[in-house]
Amino acid sequence: MTEDEKYSKQLLQEVDCNCSDCKFMIRDFDRFNESLKLHKKWQLDYFNLMVRKKRDAAWDYLFGKNGKSVDYDKYRQLLKESEKMKFQFDKSSCTINYGTCDKFKKPVSFIPNQCSIDTQDCFVHRKNV
């Protein structure tokens, strides 16, 4: 990255006034990790629900339930699909970061690289020290 690009990036950060770039920000990795665990649990619960639904649909074809005719091929296909499903945690869905504002001594949460209107008055870029 050239010096001009670095300067432009810093100017944009100073306009955005995001807590992520503020010198008063003290990151709270414990709260962030708790949030990651919670998001992972939600995603795993949803994944398990989708697997269960696919297996239920397979059983419906096996026993001809819910108005579906008995279809052994469709049963095997859906069962095979449910067995192939693998859980993958998507960390990018956890965009909220946590910390403590050292200026106001209070906990804050923020989304990095987003403009923060409410911090326009208190923001000081971390490189302007």
N, C-alpha and C. Protein backbone atom coordinates (compact mmCIF):
# COMPACT_ATOMS: atom_id res chain seq x y z
N MET A 1 0.85 -1.17 0.00
CA MET A 1 0.00 0.00 0.00
C MET A 1 0.90 1.24 0.00
N THR A 2 0.61 2.15 -0.90
CA THR A 2 1.42 3.37 -1.00
C THR A 2 1.06 4.34 0.13
N GLU A 3 1.88 5.33 0.31
CA GLU A 3 1.64 6.34 1.35
C GLU A 3 0.33 7.09 1.08
N ASP A 4 0.06 7.39 -0.20
CA ASP A 4 -1.20 8.07 -0.55
C ASP A 4 -2.41 7.22 -0.18
N GLU A 5 -2.32 5.91 -0.45
CA GLU A 5 -3.42 5.00 -0.11
C GLU A 5 -3.62 4.92 1.40
N LYS A 6 -2.52 4.87 2.14
CA LYS A 6 -2.60 4.84 3.61
C LYS A 6 -3.24 6.12 4.14
N TYR A 7 -2.84 7.24 3.57
CA TYR A 7 -3.39 8.53 4.00
C TYR A 7 -4.88 8.61 3.68
N SER A 8 -5.26 8.15 2.48
CA SER A 8 -6.68 8.16 2.09
C SER A 8 -7.50 7.27 3.01
N LYS A 9 -6.94 6.12 3.36
CA LYS A 9 -7.65 5.20 4.25
C LYS A 9 -7.86 5.84 5.63
N GLN A 10 -6.82 6.49 6.13
CA GLN A 10 -6.94 7.15 7.44
C GLN A 10 -7.95 8.29 7.39
N LEU A 11 -7.97 9.06 6.29
CA LEU A 11 -8.95 10.14 6.16
C LEU A 11 -10.38 9.59 6.17
N LEU A 12 -10.59 8.49 5.48
CA LEU A 12 -11.91 7.86 5.47
C LEU A 12 -12.29 7.40 6.87
N GLN A 13 -11.35 6.82 7.60
CA GLN A 13 -11.60 6.39 8.98
C GLN A 13 -11.95 7.58 9.86
N GLU A 14 -11.29 8.70 9.65
CA GLU A 14 -11.57 9.91 10.44
C GLU A 14 -12.95 10.48 10.13
N VAL A 15 -13.42 10.31 8.91
CA VAL A 15 -14.77 10.74 8.55
C VAL A 15 -15.80 9.78 9.14
N ASP A 16 -15.53 8.48 9.06
CA ASP A 16 -16.45 7.46 9.58
C ASP A 16 -16.60 7.51 11.09
N CYS A 17 -15.52 7.85 11.80
CA CYS A 17 -15.52 7.94 13.27
C CYS A 17 -15.99 6.63 13.93
N ASN A 18 -15.52 5.51 13.43
CA ASN A 18 -15.91 4.22 13.97
C ASN A 18 -15.04 3.90 15.18
N CYS A 19 -15.67 3.36 16.22
CA CYS A 19 -14.95 3.01 17.45
C CYS A 19 -13.75 2.09 17.19
N SER A 20 -13.84 1.32 16.13
CA SER A 20 -12.77 0.39 15.79
C SER A 20 -11.44 1.12 15.57
N ASP A 21 -11.50 2.35 15.10
CA ASP A 21 -10.30 3.12 14.77
C ASP A 21 -9.99 4.20 15.80
N CYS A 22 -10.71 4.21 16.91
CA CYS A 22 -10.55 5.25 17.92
C CYS A 22 -9.45 4.89 18.92
N LYS A 23 -8.70 5.88 19.36
CA LYS A 23 -7.61 5.63 20.31
C LYS A 23 -8.13 5.26 21.69
N PHE A 24 -9.39 5.54 21.99
CA PHE A 24 -9.96 5.23 23.30
C PHE A 24 -10.53 3.81 23.39
N MET A 25 -10.53 3.09 22.27
CA MET A 25 -11.12 1.75 22.24
C MET A 25 -10.19 0.72 22.88
N ILE A 26 -10.74 -0.01 23.83
CA ILE A 26 -10.05 -1.17 24.41
C ILE A 26 -10.92 -2.37 24.06
N ARG A 27 -10.42 -3.24 23.22
CA ARG A 27 -11.22 -4.37 22.73
C ARG A 27 -11.51 -5.37 23.84
N ASP A 28 -12.70 -5.96 23.77
CA ASP A 28 -13.14 -6.97 24.73
C ASP A 28 -13.27 -8.30 23.99
N PHE A 29 -12.18 -9.06 23.97
CA PHE A 29 -12.17 -10.32 23.23
C PHE A 29 -13.01 -11.40 23.91
N ASP A 30 -13.20 -11.30 25.22
CA ASP A 30 -14.05 -12.27 25.91
C ASP A 30 -15.49 -12.16 25.43
N ARG A 31 -16.01 -10.93 25.36
CA ARG A 31 -17.38 -10.73 24.88
C ARG A 31 -17.51 -11.13 23.41
N PHE A 32 -16.49 -10.82 22.63
CA PHE A 32 -16.52 -11.20 21.21
C PHE A 32 -16.55 -12.72 21.07
N ASN A 33 -15.73 -13.43 21.85
CA ASN A 33 -15.71 -14.89 21.79
C ASN A 33 -17.03 -15.49 22.26
N GLU A 34 -17.66 -14.87 23.26
CA GLU A 34 -18.99 -15.32 23.69
C GLU A 34 -19.99 -15.17 22.55
N SER A 35 -19.89 -14.05 21.83
CA SER A 35 -20.77 -13.82 20.70
C SER A 35 -20.53 -14.85 19.60
N LEU A 36 -19.26 -15.17 19.35
CA LEU A 36 -18.93 -16.20 18.36
C LEU A 36 -19.55 -17.54 18.75
N LYS A 37 -19.43 -17.91 20.02
CA LYS A 37 -20.00 -19.18 20.50
C LYS A 37 -21.51 -19.20 20.31
N LEU A 38 -22.17 -18.08 20.61
CA LEU A 38 -23.61 -18.00 20.47
C LEU A 38 -24.03 -18.12 19.01
N HIS A 39 -23.31 -17.41 18.11
CA HIS A 39 -23.61 -17.51 16.68
C HIS A 39 -23.37 -18.93 16.17
N LYS A 40 -22.33 -19.55 16.66
CA LYS A 40 -22.04 -20.94 16.24
C LYS A 40 -23.16 -21.87 16.68
N LYS A 41 -23.66 -21.66 17.91
CA LYS A 41 -24.76 -22.49 18.41
C LYS A 41 -26.00 -22.29 17.55
N TRP A 42 -26.32 -21.03 17.22
CA TRP A 42 -27.48 -20.75 16.38
C TRP A 42 -27.35 -21.41 15.01
N GLN A 43 -26.16 -21.31 14.41
CA GLN A 43 -25.95 -21.90 13.10
C GLN A 43 -26.00 -23.43 13.16
N LEU A 44 -25.45 -24.01 14.22
CA LEU A 44 -25.50 -25.46 14.39
C LEU A 44 -26.93 -25.94 14.60
N ASP A 45 -27.70 -25.21 15.41
CA ASP A 45 -29.12 -25.55 15.62
C ASP A 45 -29.88 -25.51 14.29
N TYR A 46 -29.63 -24.48 13.49
CA TYR A 46 -30.31 -24.37 12.20
C TYR A 46 -29.88 -25.51 11.27
N PHE A 47 -28.59 -25.82 11.25
CA PHE A 47 -28.09 -26.92 10.43
C PHE A 47 -28.76 -28.24 10.83
N ASN A 48 -28.82 -28.50 12.12
CA ASN A 48 -29.45 -29.74 12.59
C ASN A 48 -30.93 -29.78 12.23
N LEU A 49 -31.60 -28.64 12.26
CA LEU A 49 -32.99 -28.57 11.85
C LEU A 49 -33.14 -28.94 10.37
N MET A 50 -32.25 -28.44 9.52
CA MET A 50 -32.32 -28.73 8.09
C MET A 50 -32.06 -30.22 7.83
N VAL A 51 -31.12 -30.82 8.56
CA VAL A 51 -30.85 -32.26 8.42
C VAL A 51 -32.09 -33.04 8.85
N ARG A 52 -32.68 -32.64 9.96
CA ARG A 52 -33.87 -33.33 10.47
C ARG A 52 -35.04 -33.23 9.48
N LYS A 53 -35.21 -32.06 8.88
CA LYS A 53 -36.29 -31.89 7.91
C LYS A 53 -36.09 -32.78 6.68
N LYS A 54 -34.84 -32.88 6.23
CA LYS A 54 -34.55 -33.73 5.07
C LYS A 54 -34.81 -35.20 5.41
N ARG A 55 -34.44 -35.61 6.61
CA ARG A 55 -34.69 -37.00 7.02
C ARG A 55 -36.18 -37.27 7.21
N ASP A 56 -36.88 -36.29 7.75
CA ASP A 56 -38.34 -36.45 7.90
C ASP A 56 -39.00 -36.60 6.53
N ALA A 57 -38.55 -35.80 5.56
CA ALA A 57 -39.09 -35.91 4.21
C ALA A 57 -38.78 -37.28 3.62
N ALA A 58 -37.60 -37.80 3.91
CA ALA A 58 -37.24 -39.15 3.43
C ALA A 58 -38.19 -40.19 4.03
N TRP A 59 -38.45 -40.09 5.32
CA TRP A 59 -39.36 -41.03 5.97
C TRP A 59 -40.75 -40.93 5.38
N ASP A 60 -41.17 -39.71 5.04
CA ASP A 60 -42.49 -39.54 4.42
C ASP A 60 -42.58 -40.33 3.12
N TYR A 61 -41.51 -40.32 2.33
CA TYR A 61 -41.51 -41.09 1.08
C TYR A 61 -41.46 -42.60 1.35
N LEU A 62 -40.80 -43.00 2.41
CA LEU A 62 -40.69 -44.43 2.73
C LEU A 62 -42.04 -45.00 3.16
N PHE A 63 -42.79 -44.24 3.94
CA PHE A 63 -44.05 -44.75 4.48
C PHE A 63 -45.29 -44.15 3.83
N GLY A 64 -45.09 -43.32 2.81
CA GLY A 64 -46.24 -42.74 2.10
C GLY A 64 -47.06 -41.79 2.95
N LYS A 65 -46.40 -41.02 3.82
CA LYS A 65 -47.11 -40.07 4.69
C LYS A 65 -47.33 -38.74 3.99
N ASN A 66 -48.22 -37.94 4.58
CA ASN A 66 -48.49 -36.58 4.12
C ASN A 66 -48.88 -36.53 2.64
N GLY A 67 -49.59 -37.52 2.17
CA GLY A 67 -50.06 -37.53 0.79
C GLY A 67 -49.00 -37.90 -0.22
N LYS A 68 -47.81 -38.30 0.26
CA LYS A 68 -46.73 -38.69 -0.66
C LYS A 68 -46.82 -40.19 -0.91
N SER A 69 -46.64 -40.57 -2.15
CA SER A 69 -46.67 -42.00 -2.46
C SER A 69 -45.35 -42.63 -2.03
N VAL A 70 -45.39 -43.94 -1.80
CA VAL A 70 -44.18 -44.66 -1.39
C VAL A 70 -43.20 -44.62 -2.56
N ASP A 71 -41.99 -44.15 -2.26
CA ASP A 71 -40.96 -44.02 -3.30
C ASP A 71 -39.61 -44.32 -2.65
N TYR A 72 -39.14 -45.56 -2.83
CA TYR A 72 -37.89 -45.99 -2.19
C TYR A 72 -36.68 -45.24 -2.74
N ASP A 73 -36.70 -44.93 -4.03
CA ASP A 73 -35.57 -44.19 -4.62
C ASP A 73 -35.46 -42.79 -4.03
N LYS A 74 -36.59 -42.10 -3.92
CA LYS A 74 -36.59 -40.76 -3.34
C LYS A 74 -36.16 -40.82 -1.87
N TYR A 75 -36.61 -41.84 -1.14
CA TYR A 75 -36.21 -42.04 0.25
C TYR A 75 -34.69 -42.15 0.36
N ARG A 76 -34.09 -43.05 -0.46
CA ARG A 76 -32.63 -43.24 -0.42
C ARG A 76 -31.89 -41.97 -0.82
N GLN A 77 -32.40 -41.27 -1.82
CA GLN A 77 -31.76 -40.03 -2.27
C GLN A 77 -31.73 -38.98 -1.16
N LEU A 78 -32.88 -38.76 -0.52
CA LEU A 78 -32.95 -37.76 0.56
C LEU A 78 -32.11 -38.17 1.76
N LEU A 79 -32.10 -39.45 2.08
CA LEU A 79 -31.29 -39.93 3.21
C LEU A 79 -29.80 -39.73 2.92
N LYS A 80 -29.40 -40.03 1.68
CA LYS A 80 -28.00 -39.86 1.29
C LYS A 80 -27.61 -38.37 1.34
N GLU A 81 -28.51 -37.51 0.88
CA GLU A 81 -28.25 -36.06 0.93
C GLU A 81 -28.07 -35.59 2.37
N SER A 82 -28.91 -36.10 3.27
CA SER A 82 -28.82 -35.68 4.67
C SER A 82 -27.50 -36.16 5.30
N GLU A 83 -27.03 -37.31 4.88
CA GLU A 83 -25.77 -37.83 5.43
C GLU A 83 -24.56 -37.07 4.90
N LYS A 84 -24.68 -36.51 3.70
CA LYS A 84 -23.57 -35.76 3.10
C LYS A 84 -23.44 -34.35 3.65
N MET A 85 -24.50 -33.86 4.27
CA MET A 85 -24.48 -32.48 4.78
C MET A 85 -23.43 -32.34 5.88
N LYS A 86 -22.62 -31.31 5.78
CA LYS A 86 -21.56 -31.03 6.77
C LYS A 86 -21.74 -29.63 7.31
N PHE A 87 -21.58 -29.49 8.61
CA PHE A 87 -21.70 -28.17 9.24
C PHE A 87 -20.42 -27.37 9.02
N GLN A 88 -20.60 -26.10 8.60
CA GLN A 88 -19.48 -25.17 8.46
C GLN A 88 -19.89 -23.86 9.11
N PHE A 89 -19.14 -23.47 10.10
CA PHE A 89 -19.43 -22.22 10.81
C PHE A 89 -19.00 -21.03 9.97
N ASP A 90 -19.90 -20.06 9.82
CA ASP A 90 -19.64 -18.85 9.05
C ASP A 90 -19.34 -17.70 10.01
N LYS A 91 -18.05 -17.46 10.26
CA LYS A 91 -17.65 -16.39 11.19
C LYS A 91 -18.03 -15.01 10.69
N SER A 92 -18.17 -14.87 9.39
CA SER A 92 -18.45 -13.54 8.84
C SER A 92 -19.83 -13.03 9.25
N SER A 93 -20.68 -13.91 9.77
CA SER A 93 -22.00 -13.46 10.22
C SER A 93 -21.91 -12.74 11.57
N CYS A 94 -20.76 -12.82 12.23
CA CYS A 94 -20.56 -12.18 13.54
C CYS A 94 -19.84 -10.86 13.33
N THR A 95 -20.57 -9.85 12.89
CA THR A 95 -19.93 -8.58 12.53
C THR A 95 -19.79 -7.62 13.71
N ILE A 96 -20.51 -7.87 14.79
CA ILE A 96 -20.47 -6.94 15.92
C ILE A 96 -19.22 -7.20 16.76
N ASN A 97 -18.47 -6.14 17.04
CA ASN A 97 -17.30 -6.21 17.89
C ASN A 97 -17.61 -5.50 19.21
N TYR A 98 -16.86 -5.85 20.24
CA TYR A 98 -17.13 -5.32 21.57
C TYR A 98 -15.87 -4.71 22.16
N GLY A 99 -16.07 -3.77 23.07
CA GLY A 99 -14.95 -3.15 23.74
C GLY A 99 -15.42 -2.23 24.84
N THR A 100 -14.46 -1.48 25.38
CA THR A 100 -14.75 -0.49 26.40
C THR A 100 -14.17 0.83 25.94
N CYS A 101 -14.97 1.88 26.04
CA CYS A 101 -14.49 3.22 25.69
C CYS A 101 -13.73 3.75 26.90
N ASP A 102 -12.43 3.96 26.73
CA ASP A 102 -11.58 4.43 27.82
C ASP A 102 -11.88 5.90 28.17
N LYS A 103 -12.45 6.64 27.23
CA LYS A 103 -12.77 8.05 27.47
C LYS A 103 -13.99 8.16 28.39
N PHE A 104 -15.04 7.37 28.11
CA PHE A 104 -16.28 7.44 28.88
C PHE A 104 -16.43 6.30 29.88
N LYS A 105 -15.47 5.37 29.87
CA LYS A 105 -15.48 4.23 30.81
C LYS A 105 -16.80 3.46 30.72
N LYS A 106 -17.20 3.12 29.49
CA LYS A 106 -18.44 2.37 29.33
C LYS A 106 -18.26 1.33 28.22
N PRO A 107 -18.99 0.22 28.32
CA PRO A 107 -18.91 -0.80 27.28
C PRO A 107 -19.58 -0.32 25.99
N VAL A 108 -19.00 -0.69 24.87
CA VAL A 108 -19.57 -0.32 23.57
C VAL A 108 -19.56 -1.54 22.65
N SER A 109 -20.45 -1.50 21.68
CA SER A 109 -20.44 -2.49 20.61
C SER A 109 -20.50 -1.71 19.30
N PHE A 110 -19.89 -2.26 18.26
CA PHE A 110 -19.80 -1.55 16.99
C PHE A 110 -19.54 -2.53 15.86
N ILE A 111 -19.84 -2.08 14.66
CA ILE A 111 -19.54 -2.85 13.45
C ILE A 111 -18.38 -2.14 12.77
N PRO A 112 -17.22 -2.78 12.65
CA PRO A 112 -16.06 -2.13 12.04
C PRO A 112 -16.34 -1.67 10.61
N ASN A 113 -15.67 -0.60 10.22
CA ASN A 113 -15.73 -0.03 8.87
C ASN A 113 -17.12 0.48 8.48
N GLN A 114 -17.90 0.89 9.46
CA GLN A 114 -19.20 1.50 9.22
C GLN A 114 -19.17 2.90 9.82
N CYS A 115 -19.82 3.82 9.15
CA CYS A 115 -19.88 5.19 9.65
C CYS A 115 -20.70 5.24 10.93
N SER A 116 -20.15 5.90 11.95
CA SER A 116 -20.82 6.01 13.25
C SER A 116 -21.15 7.47 13.53
N ILE A 117 -22.39 7.83 13.30
CA ILE A 117 -22.84 9.21 13.47
C ILE A 117 -22.73 9.65 14.94
N ASP A 118 -23.06 8.75 15.87
CA ASP A 118 -23.11 9.12 17.29
C ASP A 118 -21.73 9.29 17.92
N THR A 119 -20.65 8.99 17.21
CA THR A 119 -19.31 9.16 17.79
C THR A 119 -18.54 10.30 17.12
N GLN A 120 -19.22 11.16 16.39
CA GLN A 120 -18.56 12.25 15.67
C GLN A 120 -17.85 13.22 16.62
N ASP A 121 -18.40 13.43 17.81
CA ASP A 121 -17.83 14.42 18.73
C ASP A 121 -16.70 13.87 19.60
N CYS A 122 -16.69 12.58 19.86
CA CYS A 122 -15.71 12.04 20.80
C CYS A 122 -14.57 11.28 20.12
N PHE A 123 -14.66 11.03 18.83
CA PHE A 123 -13.70 10.20 18.12
C PHE A 123 -12.34 10.90 17.98
N VAL A 124 -11.27 10.13 18.26
CA VAL A 124 -9.90 10.57 17.99
C VAL A 124 -9.21 9.38 17.35
N HIS A 125 -8.70 9.57 16.14
CA HIS A 125 -8.07 8.46 15.42
C HIS A 125 -6.87 7.95 16.20
N ARG A 126 -6.70 6.64 16.23
CA ARG A 126 -5.63 6.03 17.03
C ARG A 126 -4.23 6.41 16.54
N LYS A 127 -4.10 6.86 15.30
CA LYS A 127 -2.79 7.27 14.79
C LYS A 127 -2.51 8.76 15.04
N ASN A 128 -3.47 9.47 15.57
CA ASN A 128 -3.30 10.90 15.90
C ASN A 128 -2.95 11.07 17.37
N VAL A 129 -2.05 10.30 17.86
CA VAL A 129 -1.71 10.35 19.28
C VAL A 129 -0.53 11.26 19.50
